[in-house]
Amino acid sequence: MTEAQVLTMITALTPVYPFLFALAAVMFKWLIATLPKDRQAEVNQVVQMVVQGVEQCANGKSGPEKKQMAVTRISTVLNSLHISVPPMLVDAMIEATVYGINQSQPISLPSVPVNQALQAASGINAMPTNG
């Protein structure tokens, strides 16, 4: 396939991208909802810690190699905690975490309860007052 053909195919598929991203987001939220509430936060924390660790330690490795390292480590940790998570959910959470790292913003899951005291202590919702 020539470079011109690839560019033509990418341009032709451009209208489909928003649909694919929306579908991925819906599937991600649905998969998250299948976990009990208390497990959602634990799984999210494990995935974020492992992915950040792999990103720091795996310099020079390709994306697929880093992803396989993350999947293996996440599975090991979750198994040791006796938490069963569908592989598709782990995959989606890894992708979301990597996207957040690449965008330099944390990924927040609306279904995971956040401790209001922690928010107040960290100043997350602190609004500056005028005057």
N, C-alpha and C. Protein backbone atom coordinates (compact mmCIF):
# COMPACT_ATOMS: atom_id res chain seq x y z
N MET A 1 0.86 -1.17 0.00
CA MET A 1 0.00 0.00 0.00
C MET A 1 0.90 1.23 0.00
N THR A 2 0.63 2.15 -0.90
CA THR A 2 1.46 3.35 -1.01
C THR A 2 1.04 4.39 0.03
N GLU A 3 1.89 5.37 0.20
CA GLU A 3 1.60 6.44 1.17
C GLU A 3 0.34 7.21 0.77
N ALA A 4 0.16 7.42 -0.52
CA ALA A 4 -1.03 8.13 -1.00
C ALA A 4 -2.30 7.34 -0.69
N GLN A 5 -2.24 6.01 -0.82
CA GLN A 5 -3.39 5.18 -0.51
C GLN A 5 -3.72 5.22 0.98
N VAL A 6 -2.68 5.20 1.80
CA VAL A 6 -2.89 5.27 3.24
C VAL A 6 -3.54 6.60 3.62
N LEU A 7 -3.03 7.69 3.07
CA LEU A 7 -3.61 9.00 3.36
C LEU A 7 -5.05 9.10 2.87
N THR A 8 -5.33 8.52 1.72
CA THR A 8 -6.70 8.51 1.20
C THR A 8 -7.62 7.73 2.12
N MET A 9 -7.15 6.59 2.62
CA MET A 9 -7.96 5.76 3.51
C MET A 9 -8.20 6.49 4.84
N ILE A 10 -7.18 7.13 5.38
CA ILE A 10 -7.33 7.87 6.64
C ILE A 10 -8.32 9.01 6.45
N THR A 11 -8.21 9.72 5.35
CA THR A 11 -9.13 10.83 5.06
C THR A 11 -10.55 10.32 4.88
N ALA A 12 -10.70 9.19 4.21
CA ALA A 12 -12.05 8.64 3.98
C ALA A 12 -12.69 8.17 5.28
N LEU A 13 -11.89 7.70 6.24
CA LEU A 13 -12.44 7.19 7.50
C LEU A 13 -12.63 8.29 8.55
N THR A 14 -12.16 9.48 8.30
CA THR A 14 -12.24 10.56 9.28
C THR A 14 -13.65 10.76 9.84
N PRO A 15 -14.72 10.72 9.03
CA PRO A 15 -16.06 10.91 9.61
C PRO A 15 -16.46 9.81 10.60
N VAL A 16 -15.81 8.66 10.56
CA VAL A 16 -16.16 7.53 11.42
C VAL A 16 -15.48 7.64 12.80
N TYR A 17 -14.39 8.39 12.91
CA TYR A 17 -13.64 8.46 14.16
C TYR A 17 -14.48 8.90 15.35
N PRO A 18 -15.27 9.96 15.26
CA PRO A 18 -16.06 10.34 16.43
C PRO A 18 -16.98 9.22 16.92
N PHE A 19 -17.57 8.48 15.99
CA PHE A 19 -18.43 7.36 16.36
C PHE A 19 -17.63 6.29 17.10
N LEU A 20 -16.44 5.97 16.59
CA LEU A 20 -15.61 4.95 17.23
C LEU A 20 -15.18 5.37 18.62
N PHE A 21 -14.82 6.64 18.80
CA PHE A 21 -14.42 7.12 20.12
C PHE A 21 -15.61 7.09 21.08
N ALA A 22 -16.78 7.47 20.60
CA ALA A 22 -17.98 7.45 21.44
C ALA A 22 -18.33 6.01 21.83
N LEU A 23 -18.23 5.10 20.88
CA LEU A 23 -18.50 3.69 21.15
C LEU A 23 -17.52 3.14 22.18
N ALA A 24 -16.25 3.49 22.05
CA ALA A 24 -15.24 3.04 23.02
C ALA A 24 -15.55 3.59 24.41
N ALA A 25 -15.97 4.84 24.49
CA ALA A 25 -16.29 5.45 25.79
C ALA A 25 -17.50 4.76 26.43
N VAL A 26 -18.51 4.46 25.63
CA VAL A 26 -19.71 3.78 26.15
C VAL A 26 -19.35 2.38 26.65
N MET A 27 -18.55 1.66 25.89
CA MET A 27 -18.15 0.31 26.30
C MET A 27 -17.31 0.36 27.57
N PHE A 28 -16.43 1.35 27.68
CA PHE A 28 -15.59 1.51 28.86
C PHE A 28 -16.46 1.75 30.09
N LYS A 29 -17.42 2.67 29.99
CA LYS A 29 -18.30 2.96 31.12
C LYS A 29 -19.16 1.75 31.48
N TRP A 30 -19.61 1.01 30.47
CA TRP A 30 -20.42 -0.18 30.74
C TRP A 30 -19.59 -1.23 31.46
N LEU A 31 -18.35 -1.43 31.01
CA LEU A 31 -17.49 -2.43 31.65
C LEU A 31 -17.16 -2.02 33.08
N ILE A 32 -16.92 -0.75 33.31
CA ILE A 32 -16.65 -0.26 34.67
C ILE A 32 -17.87 -0.53 35.56
N ALA A 33 -19.06 -0.30 35.02
CA ALA A 33 -20.29 -0.48 35.81
C ALA A 33 -20.50 -1.94 36.20
N THR A 34 -19.88 -2.87 35.50
CA THR A 34 -20.05 -4.29 35.84
C THR A 34 -19.29 -4.67 37.12
N LEU A 35 -18.35 -3.84 37.53
CA LEU A 35 -17.62 -4.11 38.77
C LEU A 35 -18.39 -3.57 39.96
N PRO A 36 -18.30 -4.23 41.09
CA PRO A 36 -18.89 -3.66 42.31
C PRO A 36 -18.18 -2.34 42.63
N LYS A 37 -18.91 -1.41 43.24
CA LYS A 37 -18.40 -0.07 43.51
C LYS A 37 -17.09 -0.08 44.30
N ASP A 38 -16.99 -0.96 45.31
CA ASP A 38 -15.79 -0.97 46.12
C ASP A 38 -14.57 -1.48 45.35
N ARG A 39 -14.80 -2.29 44.33
CA ARG A 39 -13.69 -2.82 43.53
C ARG A 39 -13.25 -1.85 42.44
N GLN A 40 -14.14 -0.97 42.00
CA GLN A 40 -13.81 -0.04 40.92
C GLN A 40 -12.60 0.82 41.28
N ALA A 41 -12.62 1.39 42.46
CA ALA A 41 -11.53 2.26 42.89
C ALA A 41 -10.23 1.47 43.02
N GLU A 42 -10.30 0.26 43.55
CA GLU A 42 -9.11 -0.57 43.71
C GLU A 42 -8.50 -0.92 42.35
N VAL A 43 -9.32 -1.35 41.43
CA VAL A 43 -8.84 -1.72 40.10
C VAL A 43 -8.25 -0.50 39.40
N ASN A 44 -8.94 0.62 39.48
CA ASN A 44 -8.45 1.84 38.85
C ASN A 44 -7.09 2.24 39.42
N GLN A 45 -6.94 2.15 40.73
CA GLN A 45 -5.68 2.51 41.36
C GLN A 45 -4.55 1.57 40.92
N VAL A 46 -4.83 0.29 40.87
CA VAL A 46 -3.82 -0.68 40.44
C VAL A 46 -3.39 -0.39 39.00
N VAL A 47 -4.38 -0.19 38.13
CA VAL A 47 -4.07 0.05 36.71
C VAL A 47 -3.23 1.32 36.57
N GLN A 48 -3.62 2.40 37.24
CA GLN A 48 -2.87 3.64 37.10
C GLN A 48 -1.44 3.51 37.62
N MET A 49 -1.28 2.85 38.78
CA MET A 49 0.07 2.68 39.34
C MET A 49 0.95 1.83 38.42
N VAL A 50 0.41 0.73 37.93
CA VAL A 50 1.20 -0.16 37.08
C VAL A 50 1.55 0.52 35.76
N VAL A 51 0.59 1.16 35.13
CA VAL A 51 0.85 1.80 33.84
C VAL A 51 1.90 2.90 34.00
N GLN A 52 1.78 3.72 35.05
CA GLN A 52 2.78 4.76 35.26
C GLN A 52 4.15 4.15 35.52
N GLY A 53 4.20 3.06 36.27
CA GLY A 53 5.46 2.38 36.52
C GLY A 53 6.08 1.83 35.25
N VAL A 54 5.26 1.21 34.41
CA VAL A 54 5.76 0.67 33.15
C VAL A 54 6.25 1.80 32.25
N GLU A 55 5.51 2.89 32.20
CA GLU A 55 5.93 4.03 31.39
C GLU A 55 7.30 4.55 31.83
N GLN A 56 7.57 4.54 33.13
CA GLN A 56 8.85 5.03 33.64
C GLN A 56 9.98 4.03 33.42
N CYS A 57 9.70 2.75 33.56
CA CYS A 57 10.75 1.72 33.53
C CYS A 57 11.04 1.17 32.15
N ALA A 58 10.12 1.27 31.24
CA ALA A 58 10.24 0.57 29.95
C ALA A 58 10.71 1.50 28.84
N ASN A 59 11.68 2.34 29.12
CA ASN A 59 12.22 3.21 28.07
C ASN A 59 12.82 2.36 26.95
N GLY A 60 12.55 2.75 25.73
CA GLY A 60 13.09 2.03 24.59
C GLY A 60 12.23 0.88 24.11
N LYS A 61 11.20 0.53 24.85
CA LYS A 61 10.32 -0.56 24.43
C LYS A 61 9.19 0.01 23.58
N SER A 62 8.64 -0.83 22.72
CA SER A 62 7.55 -0.40 21.86
C SER A 62 6.25 -0.35 22.66
N GLY A 63 5.25 0.31 22.09
CA GLY A 63 3.94 0.41 22.73
C GLY A 63 3.34 -0.95 23.07
N PRO A 64 3.31 -1.89 22.10
CA PRO A 64 2.76 -3.21 22.40
C PRO A 64 3.53 -3.96 23.49
N GLU A 65 4.85 -3.79 23.52
CA GLU A 65 5.65 -4.44 24.57
C GLU A 65 5.30 -3.87 25.94
N LYS A 66 5.18 -2.54 26.02
CA LYS A 66 4.82 -1.90 27.29
C LYS A 66 3.42 -2.33 27.72
N LYS A 67 2.51 -2.42 26.76
CA LYS A 67 1.14 -2.82 27.10
C LYS A 67 1.13 -4.24 27.64
N GLN A 68 1.88 -5.14 27.03
CA GLN A 68 1.92 -6.52 27.51
C GLN A 68 2.53 -6.59 28.91
N MET A 69 3.56 -5.77 29.17
CA MET A 69 4.14 -5.72 30.51
C MET A 69 3.09 -5.27 31.52
N ALA A 70 2.33 -4.23 31.14
CA ALA A 70 1.29 -3.70 32.04
C ALA A 70 0.21 -4.74 32.28
N VAL A 71 -0.26 -5.40 31.23
CA VAL A 71 -1.31 -6.41 31.37
C VAL A 71 -0.85 -7.52 32.31
N THR A 72 0.39 -7.99 32.12
CA THR A 72 0.92 -9.07 32.95
C THR A 72 1.00 -8.64 34.42
N ARG A 73 1.53 -7.45 34.66
CA ARG A 73 1.67 -6.98 36.04
C ARG A 73 0.32 -6.70 36.69
N ILE A 74 -0.60 -6.11 35.93
CA ILE A 74 -1.94 -5.83 36.48
C ILE A 74 -2.62 -7.14 36.83
N SER A 75 -2.55 -8.12 35.94
CA SER A 75 -3.18 -9.42 36.21
C SER A 75 -2.60 -10.06 37.47
N THR A 76 -1.28 -9.97 37.64
CA THR A 76 -0.63 -10.54 38.81
C THR A 76 -1.12 -9.87 40.09
N VAL A 77 -1.17 -8.54 40.08
CA VAL A 77 -1.61 -7.81 41.27
C VAL A 77 -3.08 -8.10 41.58
N LEU A 78 -3.93 -8.04 40.56
CA LEU A 78 -5.36 -8.27 40.77
C LEU A 78 -5.61 -9.70 41.25
N ASN A 79 -4.89 -10.68 40.69
CA ASN A 79 -5.04 -12.07 41.15
C ASN A 79 -4.62 -12.21 42.60
N SER A 80 -3.56 -11.51 43.00
CA SER A 80 -3.13 -11.61 44.40
C SER A 80 -4.14 -10.97 45.35
N LEU A 81 -4.93 -10.02 44.82
CA LEU A 81 -5.98 -9.39 45.63
C LEU A 81 -7.31 -10.13 45.50
N HIS A 82 -7.33 -11.22 44.74
CA HIS A 82 -8.54 -12.01 44.49
C HIS A 82 -9.63 -11.16 43.83
N ILE A 83 -9.21 -10.35 42.87
CA ILE A 83 -10.15 -9.53 42.10
C ILE A 83 -10.16 -10.05 40.67
N SER A 84 -11.36 -10.41 40.21
CA SER A 84 -11.52 -10.91 38.85
C SER A 84 -12.07 -9.79 37.97
N VAL A 85 -11.33 -9.46 36.92
CA VAL A 85 -11.71 -8.38 36.02
C VAL A 85 -11.62 -8.89 34.59
N PRO A 86 -12.63 -8.62 33.76
CA PRO A 86 -12.55 -9.06 32.36
C PRO A 86 -11.34 -8.43 31.66
N PRO A 87 -10.62 -9.20 30.85
CA PRO A 87 -9.45 -8.67 30.14
C PRO A 87 -9.78 -7.44 29.30
N MET A 88 -10.98 -7.41 28.75
CA MET A 88 -11.39 -6.27 27.94
C MET A 88 -11.43 -4.99 28.77
N LEU A 89 -11.83 -5.10 30.04
CA LEU A 89 -11.87 -3.95 30.93
C LEU A 89 -10.45 -3.50 31.27
N VAL A 90 -9.58 -4.44 31.56
CA VAL A 90 -8.18 -4.09 31.85
C VAL A 90 -7.58 -3.37 30.65
N ASP A 91 -7.84 -3.88 29.46
CA ASP A 91 -7.34 -3.26 28.24
C ASP A 91 -7.86 -1.83 28.11
N ALA A 92 -9.15 -1.63 28.33
CA ALA A 92 -9.74 -0.30 28.21
C ALA A 92 -9.18 0.65 29.27
N MET A 93 -8.97 0.16 30.48
CA MET A 93 -8.44 1.01 31.54
C MET A 93 -6.98 1.38 31.26
N ILE A 94 -6.22 0.46 30.70
CA ILE A 94 -4.84 0.78 30.32
C ILE A 94 -4.84 1.88 29.27
N GLU A 95 -5.67 1.72 28.25
CA GLU A 95 -5.73 2.73 27.19
C GLU A 95 -6.15 4.09 27.74
N ALA A 96 -7.13 4.10 28.64
CA ALA A 96 -7.57 5.37 29.23
C ALA A 96 -6.47 6.01 30.05
N THR A 97 -5.73 5.21 30.79
CA THR A 97 -4.64 5.73 31.61
C THR A 97 -3.52 6.27 30.75
N VAL A 98 -3.16 5.54 29.70
CA VAL A 98 -2.11 6.01 28.79
C VAL A 98 -2.55 7.30 28.11
N TYR A 99 -3.81 7.36 27.71
CA TYR A 99 -4.33 8.58 27.10
C TYR A 99 -4.21 9.75 28.08
N GLY A 100 -4.57 9.51 29.32
CA GLY A 100 -4.47 10.56 30.34
C GLY A 100 -3.03 11.00 30.55
N ILE A 101 -2.11 10.05 30.56
CA ILE A 101 -0.69 10.40 30.71
C ILE A 101 -0.24 11.23 29.52
N ASN A 102 -0.63 10.80 28.32
CA ASN A 102 -0.25 11.54 27.12
C ASN A 102 -0.86 12.93 27.07
N GLN A 103 -2.02 13.10 27.65
CA GLN A 103 -2.68 14.40 27.66
C GLN A 103 -2.26 15.22 28.87
N SER A 104 -1.43 14.65 29.73
CA SER A 104 -0.96 15.29 30.97
C SER A 104 -2.11 15.70 31.87
N GLN A 105 -3.12 14.86 31.92
CA GLN A 105 -4.23 15.09 32.84
C GLN A 105 -4.70 13.74 33.35
N PRO A 106 -5.04 13.68 34.63
CA PRO A 106 -5.49 12.41 35.19
C PRO A 106 -6.85 11.99 34.63
N ILE A 107 -7.05 10.71 34.56
CA ILE A 107 -8.34 10.16 34.16
C ILE A 107 -9.18 10.01 35.42
N SER A 108 -10.38 10.57 35.40
CA SER A 108 -11.27 10.40 36.54
C SER A 108 -12.49 9.63 36.10
N LEU A 109 -12.89 8.70 36.92
CA LEU A 109 -14.05 7.88 36.62
C LEU A 109 -15.21 8.38 37.45
N PRO A 110 -16.28 8.84 36.83
CA PRO A 110 -17.39 9.40 37.59
C PRO A 110 -18.08 8.40 38.51
N SER A 111 -17.98 7.12 38.23
CA SER A 111 -18.68 6.15 39.05
C SER A 111 -17.92 5.78 40.32
N VAL A 112 -16.67 6.21 40.44
CA VAL A 112 -15.87 5.90 41.62
C VAL A 112 -16.09 7.00 42.64
N PRO A 113 -16.58 6.68 43.84
CA PRO A 113 -16.82 7.71 44.84
C PRO A 113 -15.52 8.36 45.29
N VAL A 114 -15.56 9.67 45.46
CA VAL A 114 -14.38 10.41 45.88
C VAL A 114 -14.62 10.94 47.29
N ASN A 115 -13.68 10.77 48.15
CA ASN A 115 -13.78 11.22 49.53
C ASN A 115 -13.75 12.75 49.56
N GLN A 116 -14.83 13.36 50.05
CA GLN A 116 -14.92 14.82 50.06
C GLN A 116 -13.87 15.45 50.96
N ALA A 117 -13.50 14.76 52.02
CA ALA A 117 -12.47 15.30 52.90
C ALA A 117 -11.14 15.38 52.16
N LEU A 118 -10.86 14.39 51.33
CA LEU A 118 -9.63 14.40 50.56
C LEU A 118 -9.65 15.56 49.57
N GLN A 119 -10.81 15.79 48.95
CA GLN A 119 -10.93 16.92 48.03
C GLN A 119 -10.67 18.23 48.75
N ALA A 120 -11.28 18.41 49.90
CA ALA A 120 -11.11 19.65 50.64
C ALA A 120 -9.66 19.84 51.07
N ALA A 121 -9.01 18.76 51.51
CA ALA A 121 -7.63 18.86 51.96
C ALA A 121 -6.68 19.17 50.82
N SER A 122 -6.99 18.66 49.63
CA SER A 122 -6.09 18.88 48.51
C SER A 122 -6.42 20.15 47.74
N GLY A 123 -7.57 20.77 48.03
CA GLY A 123 -7.94 22.01 47.35
C GLY A 123 -8.43 21.81 45.94
N ILE A 124 -8.87 20.60 45.61
CA ILE A 124 -9.32 20.32 44.24
C ILE A 124 -10.47 21.21 43.85
N ASN A 125 -11.44 21.38 44.73
CA ASN A 125 -12.62 22.18 44.41
C ASN A 125 -12.54 23.59 44.95
N ALA A 126 -11.37 24.00 45.41
CA ALA A 126 -11.24 25.35 45.96
C ALA A 126 -11.40 26.37 44.87
N MET A 127 -12.32 27.27 45.03
CA MET A 127 -12.57 28.34 44.06
C MET A 127 -12.03 29.63 44.63
N PRO A 128 -11.21 30.35 43.85
CA PRO A 128 -10.70 31.64 44.35
C PRO A 128 -11.85 32.64 44.52
N THR A 129 -11.77 33.42 45.55
CA THR A 129 -12.80 34.41 45.79
C THR A 129 -12.33 35.76 45.26
N ASN A 130 -13.25 36.49 44.69
CA ASN A 130 -12.93 37.82 44.17
C ASN A 130 -13.21 38.84 45.27
N GLY A 131 -12.24 39.68 45.54
CA GLY A 131 -12.48 40.77 46.48
C GLY A 131 -11.78 40.62 47.71
